[in-house]
Amino acid sequence: MTVLDMNVAQLPADAQALYATMAERRRARGEGFGGPYLALLNHPELARRIEELGFFLKFEGVLPRTVYQFVVLTVARTTGAGFEWHDHIAHARAAGLPEDVIDAVGSSRAAVLPQPYALAHAILQRTMSWQVVPDDLQAQAAAAWGRQGLVEIVVLSGFYQMFAAINQGFDIRPPAAAG
């Protein structure tokens, strides 16, 4: 349990208005909204700023959607963030991430990953263990996705590690596990 208000109707009016704006923006892209943002709305300005970055990375970034979703699922699996895994598995499938890649991430079988996911995974192994991404991996990623794509992979790693901390810190669970 958490001492935070997790019911939108119980939040102050400014937080409710922000929730409505953010939820509508996501609905317009065919996405749901909630989960960790319900905790974040207890600090509306922080929630707004995090959502701006998240929206940009998810909908306006340069990475292909399959690579984006691969990064999210890999961070979710590595950190044990069940909500993120549950929330993004359907998005990964809808984006076209191959089922065998999803299965490999879910069962931690990185050795069977095809490119470009093997490259993204090699970068995530470094970022998730707080190590420098070697020049050769940076060069390969820049060749595949440009310098902006390389930067986005590293930022996504940290962004979803932050969400893992929010989800685990405030016990935000997938809907089927809630209760």
N, C-alpha and C. Protein backbone atom coordinates (compact mmCIF):
# COMPACT_ATOMS: atom_id res chain seq x y z
N MET A 1 0.84 -1.19 0.00
CA MET A 1 0.00 0.00 0.00
C MET A 1 0.89 1.24 0.00
N THR A 2 0.29 2.33 -0.37
CA THR A 2 0.99 3.60 -0.40
C THR A 2 0.13 4.66 0.24
N VAL A 3 0.75 5.70 0.75
CA VAL A 3 -0.01 6.81 1.32
C VAL A 3 -0.48 7.77 0.24
N LEU A 4 -0.07 7.55 -0.99
CA LEU A 4 -0.45 8.42 -2.10
C LEU A 4 -1.89 8.20 -2.52
N ASP A 5 -2.52 9.24 -3.01
CA ASP A 5 -3.84 9.10 -3.62
C ASP A 5 -3.64 8.46 -4.99
N MET A 6 -4.25 7.31 -5.20
CA MET A 6 -4.14 6.61 -6.47
C MET A 6 -5.47 6.60 -7.22
N ASN A 7 -6.44 7.28 -6.68
CA ASN A 7 -7.75 7.40 -7.29
C ASN A 7 -7.85 8.82 -7.86
N VAL A 8 -8.00 8.93 -9.16
CA VAL A 8 -8.02 10.24 -9.80
C VAL A 8 -9.06 11.16 -9.16
N ALA A 9 -10.21 10.62 -8.83
CA ALA A 9 -11.28 11.44 -8.26
C ALA A 9 -10.91 12.02 -6.91
N GLN A 10 -9.93 11.47 -6.24
CA GLN A 10 -9.51 11.95 -4.92
C GLN A 10 -8.37 12.96 -5.00
N LEU A 11 -7.80 13.13 -6.19
CA LEU A 11 -6.69 14.06 -6.35
C LEU A 11 -7.18 15.50 -6.38
N PRO A 12 -6.31 16.46 -6.07
CA PRO A 12 -6.70 17.87 -6.19
C PRO A 12 -7.11 18.21 -7.63
N ALA A 13 -7.86 19.28 -7.79
CA ALA A 13 -8.41 19.66 -9.09
C ALA A 13 -7.33 19.83 -10.16
N ASP A 14 -6.17 20.42 -9.81
CA ASP A 14 -5.12 20.61 -10.82
C ASP A 14 -4.58 19.27 -11.30
N ALA A 15 -4.47 18.31 -10.40
CA ALA A 15 -3.99 16.98 -10.78
C ALA A 15 -5.04 16.26 -11.63
N GLN A 16 -6.30 16.43 -11.30
CA GLN A 16 -7.37 15.82 -12.09
C GLN A 16 -7.38 16.38 -13.51
N ALA A 17 -7.21 17.68 -13.63
CA ALA A 17 -7.20 18.32 -14.95
C ALA A 17 -6.00 17.84 -15.77
N LEU A 18 -4.85 17.73 -15.12
CA LEU A 18 -3.66 17.24 -15.81
C LEU A 18 -3.87 15.80 -16.25
N TYR A 19 -4.44 14.97 -15.39
CA TYR A 19 -4.74 13.59 -15.75
C TYR A 19 -5.62 13.54 -17.00
N ALA A 20 -6.67 14.34 -17.02
CA ALA A 20 -7.58 14.34 -18.16
C ALA A 20 -6.86 14.74 -19.44
N THR A 21 -6.00 15.73 -19.37
CA THR A 21 -5.24 16.18 -20.54
C THR A 21 -4.29 15.08 -21.02
N MET A 22 -3.54 14.50 -20.08
CA MET A 22 -2.58 13.46 -20.47
C MET A 22 -3.29 12.21 -20.98
N ALA A 23 -4.37 11.82 -20.34
CA ALA A 23 -5.11 10.63 -20.76
C ALA A 23 -5.69 10.82 -22.16
N GLU A 24 -6.23 12.01 -22.43
CA GLU A 24 -6.79 12.28 -23.76
C GLU A 24 -5.70 12.27 -24.82
N ARG A 25 -4.56 12.82 -24.52
CA ARG A 25 -3.44 12.83 -25.47
C ARG A 25 -3.02 11.40 -25.81
N ARG A 26 -3.00 10.53 -24.82
CA ARG A 26 -2.66 9.12 -25.06
C ARG A 26 -3.77 8.40 -25.82
N ARG A 27 -5.03 8.67 -25.44
CA ARG A 27 -6.16 8.04 -26.15
C ARG A 27 -6.15 8.40 -27.63
N ALA A 28 -5.76 9.63 -27.93
CA ALA A 28 -5.70 10.06 -29.33
C ALA A 28 -4.67 9.24 -30.12
N ARG A 29 -3.74 8.62 -29.45
CA ARG A 29 -2.74 7.75 -30.07
C ARG A 29 -3.08 6.28 -29.90
N GLY A 30 -4.29 6.00 -29.40
CA GLY A 30 -4.73 4.62 -29.22
C GLY A 30 -4.14 3.94 -28.00
N GLU A 31 -3.72 4.71 -27.03
CA GLU A 31 -3.06 4.17 -25.84
C GLU A 31 -3.89 4.44 -24.60
N GLY A 32 -3.73 3.57 -23.61
CA GLY A 32 -4.33 3.80 -22.30
C GLY A 32 -3.41 4.67 -21.46
N PHE A 33 -3.86 4.99 -20.25
CA PHE A 33 -3.07 5.85 -19.38
C PHE A 33 -3.41 5.55 -17.94
N GLY A 34 -2.42 5.51 -17.11
CA GLY A 34 -2.65 5.27 -15.68
C GLY A 34 -1.40 4.72 -15.04
N GLY A 35 -1.57 3.64 -14.28
CA GLY A 35 -0.44 2.98 -13.64
C GLY A 35 0.42 3.91 -12.83
N PRO A 36 1.71 4.00 -13.17
CA PRO A 36 2.62 4.82 -12.37
C PRO A 36 2.27 6.30 -12.39
N TYR A 37 1.57 6.74 -13.43
CA TYR A 37 1.19 8.16 -13.47
C TYR A 37 0.21 8.52 -12.37
N LEU A 38 -0.55 7.54 -11.88
CA LEU A 38 -1.45 7.83 -10.77
C LEU A 38 -0.64 8.21 -9.53
N ALA A 39 0.49 7.55 -9.32
CA ALA A 39 1.38 7.94 -8.22
C ALA A 39 2.02 9.29 -8.50
N LEU A 40 2.48 9.48 -9.72
CA LEU A 40 3.16 10.72 -10.08
C LEU A 40 2.25 11.94 -9.98
N LEU A 41 0.96 11.75 -10.20
CA LEU A 41 0.03 12.88 -10.14
C LEU A 41 -0.10 13.47 -8.73
N ASN A 42 0.48 12.81 -7.75
CA ASN A 42 0.57 13.40 -6.42
C ASN A 42 1.60 14.51 -6.40
N HIS A 43 2.33 14.65 -7.50
CA HIS A 43 3.28 15.75 -7.72
C HIS A 43 3.05 16.19 -9.17
N PRO A 44 1.99 16.97 -9.42
CA PRO A 44 1.56 17.26 -10.79
C PRO A 44 2.64 17.80 -11.72
N GLU A 45 3.46 18.71 -11.26
CA GLU A 45 4.48 19.28 -12.16
C GLU A 45 5.50 18.22 -12.56
N LEU A 46 5.89 17.39 -11.64
CA LEU A 46 6.80 16.30 -11.97
C LEU A 46 6.14 15.33 -12.95
N ALA A 47 4.88 14.99 -12.72
CA ALA A 47 4.14 14.12 -13.63
C ALA A 47 4.09 14.71 -15.03
N ARG A 48 3.83 16.00 -15.13
CA ARG A 48 3.75 16.66 -16.44
C ARG A 48 5.09 16.57 -17.18
N ARG A 49 6.16 16.83 -16.47
CA ARG A 49 7.47 16.82 -17.12
C ARG A 49 7.89 15.41 -17.54
N ILE A 50 7.61 14.43 -16.69
CA ILE A 50 7.94 13.05 -17.05
C ILE A 50 7.11 12.61 -18.24
N GLU A 51 5.82 12.97 -18.25
CA GLU A 51 4.96 12.59 -19.37
C GLU A 51 5.43 13.24 -20.67
N GLU A 52 5.90 14.47 -20.61
CA GLU A 52 6.41 15.12 -21.83
C GLU A 52 7.56 14.31 -22.43
N LEU A 53 8.50 13.90 -21.59
CA LEU A 53 9.63 13.10 -22.08
C LEU A 53 9.14 11.75 -22.57
N GLY A 54 8.29 11.11 -21.79
CA GLY A 54 7.78 9.79 -22.18
C GLY A 54 7.01 9.83 -23.49
N PHE A 55 6.19 10.83 -23.67
CA PHE A 55 5.41 10.96 -24.90
C PHE A 55 6.36 11.16 -26.09
N PHE A 56 7.35 12.02 -25.91
CA PHE A 56 8.31 12.25 -26.97
C PHE A 56 9.02 10.95 -27.35
N LEU A 57 9.55 10.25 -26.36
CA LEU A 57 10.29 9.02 -26.65
C LEU A 57 9.41 7.98 -27.33
N LYS A 58 8.18 7.85 -26.86
CA LYS A 58 7.29 6.81 -27.38
C LYS A 58 6.73 7.13 -28.76
N PHE A 59 6.37 8.38 -28.98
CA PHE A 59 5.64 8.71 -30.21
C PHE A 59 6.41 9.57 -31.20
N GLU A 60 7.45 10.24 -30.75
CA GLU A 60 8.14 11.18 -31.63
C GLU A 60 9.63 10.91 -31.78
N GLY A 61 10.13 9.89 -31.11
CA GLY A 61 11.55 9.55 -31.19
C GLY A 61 11.91 8.95 -32.54
N VAL A 62 13.20 8.77 -32.76
CA VAL A 62 13.68 8.26 -34.05
C VAL A 62 13.78 6.74 -34.10
N LEU A 63 13.78 6.08 -32.96
CA LEU A 63 13.91 4.63 -32.97
C LEU A 63 12.68 3.97 -33.60
N PRO A 64 12.88 2.89 -34.34
CA PRO A 64 11.73 2.13 -34.82
C PRO A 64 10.91 1.63 -33.62
N ARG A 65 9.61 1.54 -33.78
CA ARG A 65 8.73 1.12 -32.68
C ARG A 65 9.11 -0.25 -32.14
N THR A 66 9.56 -1.14 -33.01
CA THR A 66 9.94 -2.47 -32.52
C THR A 66 11.15 -2.37 -31.58
N VAL A 67 12.11 -1.54 -31.92
CA VAL A 67 13.29 -1.39 -31.07
C VAL A 67 12.90 -0.71 -29.76
N TYR A 68 12.07 0.32 -29.85
CA TYR A 68 11.58 0.99 -28.65
C TYR A 68 10.93 -0.03 -27.71
N GLN A 69 10.01 -0.82 -28.23
CA GLN A 69 9.30 -1.79 -27.39
C GLN A 69 10.25 -2.87 -26.88
N PHE A 70 11.23 -3.26 -27.68
CA PHE A 70 12.23 -4.22 -27.22
C PHE A 70 12.97 -3.67 -26.00
N VAL A 71 13.36 -2.41 -26.06
CA VAL A 71 14.07 -1.79 -24.94
C VAL A 71 13.17 -1.79 -23.70
N VAL A 72 11.93 -1.38 -23.85
CA VAL A 72 11.01 -1.32 -22.71
C VAL A 72 10.85 -2.71 -22.09
N LEU A 73 10.60 -3.72 -22.91
CA LEU A 73 10.41 -5.07 -22.37
C LEU A 73 11.68 -5.60 -21.71
N THR A 74 12.83 -5.30 -22.29
CA THR A 74 14.08 -5.77 -21.71
C THR A 74 14.33 -5.14 -20.35
N VAL A 75 14.12 -3.83 -20.25
CA VAL A 75 14.29 -3.16 -18.96
C VAL A 75 13.27 -3.70 -17.95
N ALA A 76 12.03 -3.88 -18.39
CA ALA A 76 11.00 -4.40 -17.50
C ALA A 76 11.37 -5.78 -16.98
N ARG A 77 11.82 -6.65 -17.85
CA ARG A 77 12.19 -8.01 -17.43
C ARG A 77 13.41 -7.98 -16.51
N THR A 78 14.39 -7.18 -16.85
CA THR A 78 15.62 -7.12 -16.07
C THR A 78 15.38 -6.57 -14.67
N THR A 79 14.50 -5.58 -14.55
CA THR A 79 14.24 -4.95 -13.25
C THR A 79 13.12 -5.64 -12.47
N GLY A 80 12.42 -6.58 -13.11
CA GLY A 80 11.30 -7.22 -12.44
C GLY A 80 10.06 -6.34 -12.35
N ALA A 81 9.97 -5.35 -13.23
CA ALA A 81 8.84 -4.42 -13.23
C ALA A 81 7.65 -5.04 -13.96
N GLY A 82 6.86 -5.79 -13.21
CA GLY A 82 5.74 -6.51 -13.79
C GLY A 82 4.72 -5.63 -14.47
N PHE A 83 4.47 -4.44 -13.91
CA PHE A 83 3.50 -3.55 -14.54
C PHE A 83 3.97 -3.17 -15.93
N GLU A 84 5.23 -2.78 -16.08
CA GLU A 84 5.73 -2.35 -17.40
C GLU A 84 5.69 -3.50 -18.39
N TRP A 85 6.07 -4.69 -17.96
CA TRP A 85 6.01 -5.85 -18.86
C TRP A 85 4.56 -6.05 -19.32
N HIS A 86 3.66 -6.11 -18.38
CA HIS A 86 2.25 -6.32 -18.69
C HIS A 86 1.70 -5.21 -19.59
N ASP A 87 2.07 -3.97 -19.28
CA ASP A 87 1.55 -2.81 -20.01
C ASP A 87 2.09 -2.76 -21.44
N HIS A 88 3.29 -3.25 -21.67
CA HIS A 88 3.91 -3.09 -22.98
C HIS A 88 3.89 -4.33 -23.86
N ILE A 89 3.52 -5.47 -23.36
CA ILE A 89 3.56 -6.69 -24.17
C ILE A 89 2.62 -6.58 -25.38
N ALA A 90 1.41 -6.08 -25.19
CA ALA A 90 0.48 -5.92 -26.31
C ALA A 90 0.99 -4.86 -27.28
N HIS A 91 1.59 -3.79 -26.75
CA HIS A 91 2.15 -2.74 -27.61
C HIS A 91 3.30 -3.29 -28.45
N ALA A 92 4.10 -4.15 -27.85
CA ALA A 92 5.22 -4.75 -28.58
C ALA A 92 4.69 -5.60 -29.73
N ARG A 93 3.68 -6.38 -29.47
CA ARG A 93 3.09 -7.22 -30.52
C ARG A 93 2.47 -6.34 -31.62
N ALA A 94 1.75 -5.31 -31.20
CA ALA A 94 1.11 -4.41 -32.17
C ALA A 94 2.14 -3.68 -33.03
N ALA A 95 3.30 -3.40 -32.45
CA ALA A 95 4.36 -2.71 -33.19
C ALA A 95 5.07 -3.65 -34.16
N GLY A 96 4.84 -4.96 -34.01
CA GLY A 96 5.47 -5.92 -34.90
C GLY A 96 6.72 -6.58 -34.35
N LEU A 97 6.96 -6.44 -33.05
CA LEU A 97 8.10 -7.13 -32.46
C LEU A 97 7.83 -8.63 -32.57
N PRO A 98 8.74 -9.37 -33.20
CA PRO A 98 8.49 -10.81 -33.41
C PRO A 98 8.27 -11.56 -32.10
N GLU A 99 7.35 -12.51 -32.15
CA GLU A 99 7.00 -13.29 -30.96
C GLU A 99 8.21 -14.03 -30.39
N ASP A 100 9.09 -14.53 -31.26
CA ASP A 100 10.27 -15.23 -30.75
C ASP A 100 11.21 -14.29 -30.01
N VAL A 101 11.24 -13.01 -30.39
CA VAL A 101 12.05 -12.02 -29.68
C VAL A 101 11.42 -11.73 -28.32
N ILE A 102 10.10 -11.57 -28.29
CA ILE A 102 9.39 -11.36 -27.02
C ILE A 102 9.64 -12.54 -26.09
N ASP A 103 9.54 -13.75 -26.62
CA ASP A 103 9.78 -14.95 -25.81
C ASP A 103 11.22 -15.00 -25.29
N ALA A 104 12.17 -14.60 -26.13
CA ALA A 104 13.57 -14.60 -25.72
C ALA A 104 13.79 -13.61 -24.57
N VAL A 105 13.19 -12.44 -24.67
CA VAL A 105 13.32 -11.45 -23.60
C VAL A 105 12.65 -11.99 -22.33
N GLY A 106 11.46 -12.53 -22.48
CA GLY A 106 10.72 -13.03 -21.33
C GLY A 106 11.40 -14.17 -20.61
N SER A 107 12.18 -14.94 -21.33
CA SER A 107 12.88 -16.08 -20.71
C SER A 107 14.38 -15.83 -20.55
N SER A 108 14.80 -14.59 -20.77
CA SER A 108 16.21 -14.19 -20.60
C SER A 108 17.15 -15.03 -21.47
N ARG A 109 16.76 -15.27 -22.71
CA ARG A 109 17.60 -16.02 -23.65
C ARG A 109 18.20 -15.07 -24.68
N ALA A 110 19.05 -14.18 -24.25
CA ALA A 110 19.63 -13.16 -25.12
C ALA A 110 20.48 -13.75 -26.23
N ALA A 111 21.03 -14.92 -26.02
CA ALA A 111 21.91 -15.52 -27.02
C ALA A 111 21.20 -15.82 -28.33
N VAL A 112 19.87 -15.92 -28.31
CA VAL A 112 19.13 -16.26 -29.52
C VAL A 112 18.55 -15.04 -30.23
N LEU A 113 18.87 -13.85 -29.76
CA LEU A 113 18.29 -12.64 -30.35
C LEU A 113 18.90 -12.34 -31.71
N PRO A 114 18.05 -12.08 -32.72
CA PRO A 114 18.56 -11.65 -34.03
C PRO A 114 18.88 -10.15 -33.98
N GLN A 115 19.56 -9.69 -35.00
CA GLN A 115 19.79 -8.25 -35.14
C GLN A 115 18.47 -7.61 -35.58
N PRO A 116 18.17 -6.42 -35.22
CA PRO A 116 18.99 -5.47 -34.49
C PRO A 116 18.86 -5.59 -32.97
N TYR A 117 18.07 -6.58 -32.51
CA TYR A 117 17.79 -6.69 -31.09
C TYR A 117 19.02 -7.14 -30.30
N ALA A 118 19.88 -7.94 -30.90
CA ALA A 118 21.11 -8.34 -30.22
C ALA A 118 21.98 -7.12 -29.93
N LEU A 119 22.03 -6.18 -30.87
CA LEU A 119 22.79 -4.95 -30.67
C LEU A 119 22.17 -4.12 -29.56
N ALA A 120 20.87 -3.92 -29.59
CA ALA A 120 20.20 -3.15 -28.54
C ALA A 120 20.41 -3.82 -27.18
N HIS A 121 20.33 -5.14 -27.16
CA HIS A 121 20.52 -5.87 -25.90
C HIS A 121 21.94 -5.68 -25.36
N ALA A 122 22.93 -5.71 -26.25
CA ALA A 122 24.32 -5.51 -25.81
C ALA A 122 24.50 -4.14 -25.18
N ILE A 123 23.83 -3.14 -25.73
CA ILE A 123 23.90 -1.79 -25.15
C ILE A 123 23.20 -1.78 -23.79
N LEU A 124 22.03 -2.40 -23.73
CA LEU A 124 21.28 -2.43 -22.47
C LEU A 124 22.02 -3.19 -21.37
N GLN A 125 22.77 -4.21 -21.74
CA GLN A 125 23.57 -4.91 -20.73
C GLN A 125 24.52 -3.94 -20.05
N ARG A 126 25.06 -3.00 -20.81
CA ARG A 126 25.98 -2.01 -20.23
C ARG A 126 25.22 -0.98 -19.40
N THR A 127 24.15 -0.43 -19.98
CA THR A 127 23.44 0.63 -19.26
C THR A 127 22.76 0.11 -18.00
N MET A 128 22.25 -1.11 -18.06
CA MET A 128 21.55 -1.66 -16.90
C MET A 128 22.52 -2.03 -15.77
N SER A 129 23.79 -2.15 -16.10
CA SER A 129 24.79 -2.42 -15.05
C SER A 129 25.69 -1.22 -14.81
N TRP A 130 25.25 -0.05 -15.31
CA TRP A 130 25.93 1.22 -15.07
C TRP A 130 27.38 1.19 -15.58
N GLN A 131 27.54 0.65 -16.78
CA GLN A 131 28.85 0.60 -17.41
C GLN A 131 28.85 1.48 -18.66
N VAL A 132 30.04 1.85 -19.08
CA VAL A 132 30.22 2.61 -20.32
C VAL A 132 29.83 1.71 -21.50
N VAL A 133 29.11 2.27 -22.46
CA VAL A 133 28.81 1.54 -23.70
C VAL A 133 30.06 1.67 -24.57
N PRO A 134 30.70 0.54 -24.89
CA PRO A 134 31.95 0.60 -25.66
C PRO A 134 31.78 1.30 -27.02
N ASP A 135 32.86 1.90 -27.49
CA ASP A 135 32.84 2.63 -28.75
C ASP A 135 32.32 1.79 -29.91
N ASP A 136 32.70 0.51 -29.97
CA ASP A 136 32.25 -0.32 -31.09
C ASP A 136 30.74 -0.48 -31.09
N LEU A 137 30.13 -0.64 -29.91
CA LEU A 137 28.67 -0.74 -29.84
C LEU A 137 28.01 0.60 -30.17
N GLN A 138 28.62 1.69 -29.70
CA GLN A 138 28.09 3.00 -30.03
C GLN A 138 28.12 3.21 -31.55
N ALA A 139 29.23 2.83 -32.19
CA ALA A 139 29.36 3.01 -33.64
C ALA A 139 28.33 2.16 -34.39
N GLN A 140 28.12 0.93 -33.94
CA GLN A 140 27.14 0.05 -34.59
C GLN A 140 25.73 0.63 -34.45
N ALA A 141 25.41 1.12 -33.25
CA ALA A 141 24.08 1.69 -33.03
C ALA A 141 23.90 2.97 -33.84
N ALA A 142 24.93 3.80 -33.91
CA ALA A 142 24.83 5.03 -34.69
C ALA A 142 24.66 4.70 -36.17
N ALA A 143 25.31 3.64 -36.64
CA ALA A 143 25.15 3.22 -38.04
C ALA A 143 23.73 2.70 -38.29
N ALA A 144 23.16 2.03 -37.30
CA ALA A 144 21.82 1.46 -37.46
C ALA A 144 20.71 2.50 -37.29
N TRP A 145 20.84 3.39 -36.30
CA TRP A 145 19.74 4.28 -35.93
C TRP A 145 20.14 5.75 -35.86
N GLY A 146 21.35 6.07 -36.24
CA GLY A 146 21.84 7.44 -36.13
C GLY A 146 22.26 7.74 -34.69
N ARG A 147 22.94 8.84 -34.54
CA ARG A 147 23.38 9.24 -33.20
C ARG A 147 22.19 9.48 -32.27
N GLN A 148 21.12 10.03 -32.83
CA GLN A 148 19.93 10.27 -32.00
C GLN A 148 19.35 8.96 -31.49
N GLY A 149 19.33 7.94 -32.34
CA GLY A 149 18.83 6.64 -31.92
C GLY A 149 19.68 6.03 -30.82
N LEU A 150 20.99 6.16 -30.94
CA LEU A 150 21.89 5.69 -29.88
C LEU A 150 21.57 6.39 -28.57
N VAL A 151 21.44 7.70 -28.60
CA VAL A 151 21.12 8.45 -27.39
C VAL A 151 19.77 8.01 -26.83
N GLU A 152 18.79 7.80 -27.70
CA GLU A 152 17.47 7.39 -27.23
C GLU A 152 17.51 6.04 -26.53
N ILE A 153 18.30 5.09 -27.03
CA ILE A 153 18.38 3.78 -26.37
C ILE A 153 18.89 3.95 -24.94
N VAL A 154 19.95 4.72 -24.78
CA VAL A 154 20.51 4.92 -23.45
C VAL A 154 19.52 5.65 -22.55
N VAL A 155 18.86 6.68 -23.07
CA VAL A 155 17.88 7.42 -22.27
C VAL A 155 16.68 6.53 -21.93
N LEU A 156 16.20 5.73 -22.89
CA LEU A 156 15.09 4.82 -22.60
C LEU A 156 15.44 3.84 -21.49
N SER A 157 16.66 3.37 -21.49
CA SER A 157 17.10 2.47 -20.43
C SER A 157 16.92 3.12 -19.07
N GLY A 158 17.40 4.34 -18.93
CA GLY A 158 17.25 5.05 -17.66
C GLY A 158 15.81 5.43 -17.37
N PHE A 159 15.07 5.84 -18.40
CA PHE A 159 13.68 6.25 -18.23
C PHE A 159 12.84 5.10 -17.67
N TYR A 160 13.00 3.92 -18.24
CA TYR A 160 12.21 2.79 -17.77
C TYR A 160 12.76 2.17 -16.49
N GLN A 161 14.03 2.39 -16.19
CA GLN A 161 14.53 2.02 -14.86
C GLN A 161 13.87 2.92 -13.81
N MET A 162 13.69 4.20 -14.15
CA MET A 162 12.98 5.11 -13.26
C MET A 162 11.55 4.62 -13.03
N PHE A 163 10.87 4.20 -14.11
CA PHE A 163 9.50 3.70 -13.95
C PHE A 163 9.47 2.41 -13.15
N ALA A 164 10.49 1.58 -13.27
CA ALA A 164 10.56 0.37 -12.45
C ALA A 164 10.62 0.76 -10.97
N ALA A 165 11.40 1.79 -10.65
CA ALA A 165 11.48 2.25 -9.26
C ALA A 165 10.15 2.80 -8.78
N ILE A 166 9.45 3.55 -9.63
CA ILE A 166 8.14 4.10 -9.26
C ILE A 166 7.15 2.96 -9.03
N ASN A 167 7.11 2.02 -9.97
CA ASN A 167 6.17 0.90 -9.87
C ASN A 167 6.44 0.05 -8.65
N GLN A 168 7.71 -0.25 -8.41
CA GLN A 168 8.03 -1.11 -7.28
C GLN A 168 7.94 -0.33 -5.97
N GLY A 169 8.36 0.93 -5.99
CA GLY A 169 8.32 1.73 -4.77
C GLY A 169 6.92 1.98 -4.25
N PHE A 170 5.95 2.07 -5.16
CA PHE A 170 4.57 2.34 -4.76
C PHE A 170 3.66 1.13 -5.02
N ASP A 171 4.26 -0.03 -5.24
CA ASP A 171 3.53 -1.29 -5.38
C ASP A 171 2.46 -1.24 -6.46
N ILE A 172 2.86 -0.70 -7.61
CA ILE A 172 1.94 -0.63 -8.75
C ILE A 172 2.07 -1.93 -9.52
N ARG A 173 0.98 -2.64 -9.59
CA ARG A 173 0.97 -3.99 -10.16
C ARG A 173 0.13 -4.03 -11.44
N PRO A 174 0.39 -5.05 -12.24
CA PRO A 174 -0.50 -5.24 -13.40
C PRO A 174 -1.93 -5.47 -12.90
N PRO A 175 -2.91 -5.08 -13.70
CA PRO A 175 -4.32 -5.22 -13.25
C PRO A 175 -4.68 -6.60 -12.73
N ALA A 176 -4.23 -7.67 -13.37
CA ALA A 176 -4.58 -9.02 -12.93
C ALA A 176 -3.99 -9.35 -11.56
N ALA A 177 -2.87 -8.70 -11.20
CA ALA A 177 -2.22 -8.97 -9.91
C ALA A 177 -2.66 -8.00 -8.83
N ALA A 178 -3.41 -6.97 -9.22
CA ALA A 178 -3.84 -5.98 -8.23
C ALA A 178 -4.86 -6.59 -7.28
N GLY A 179 -4.93 -6.03 -6.11
CA GLY A 179 -5.97 -6.47 -5.21
C GLY A 179 -5.42 -6.77 -3.91
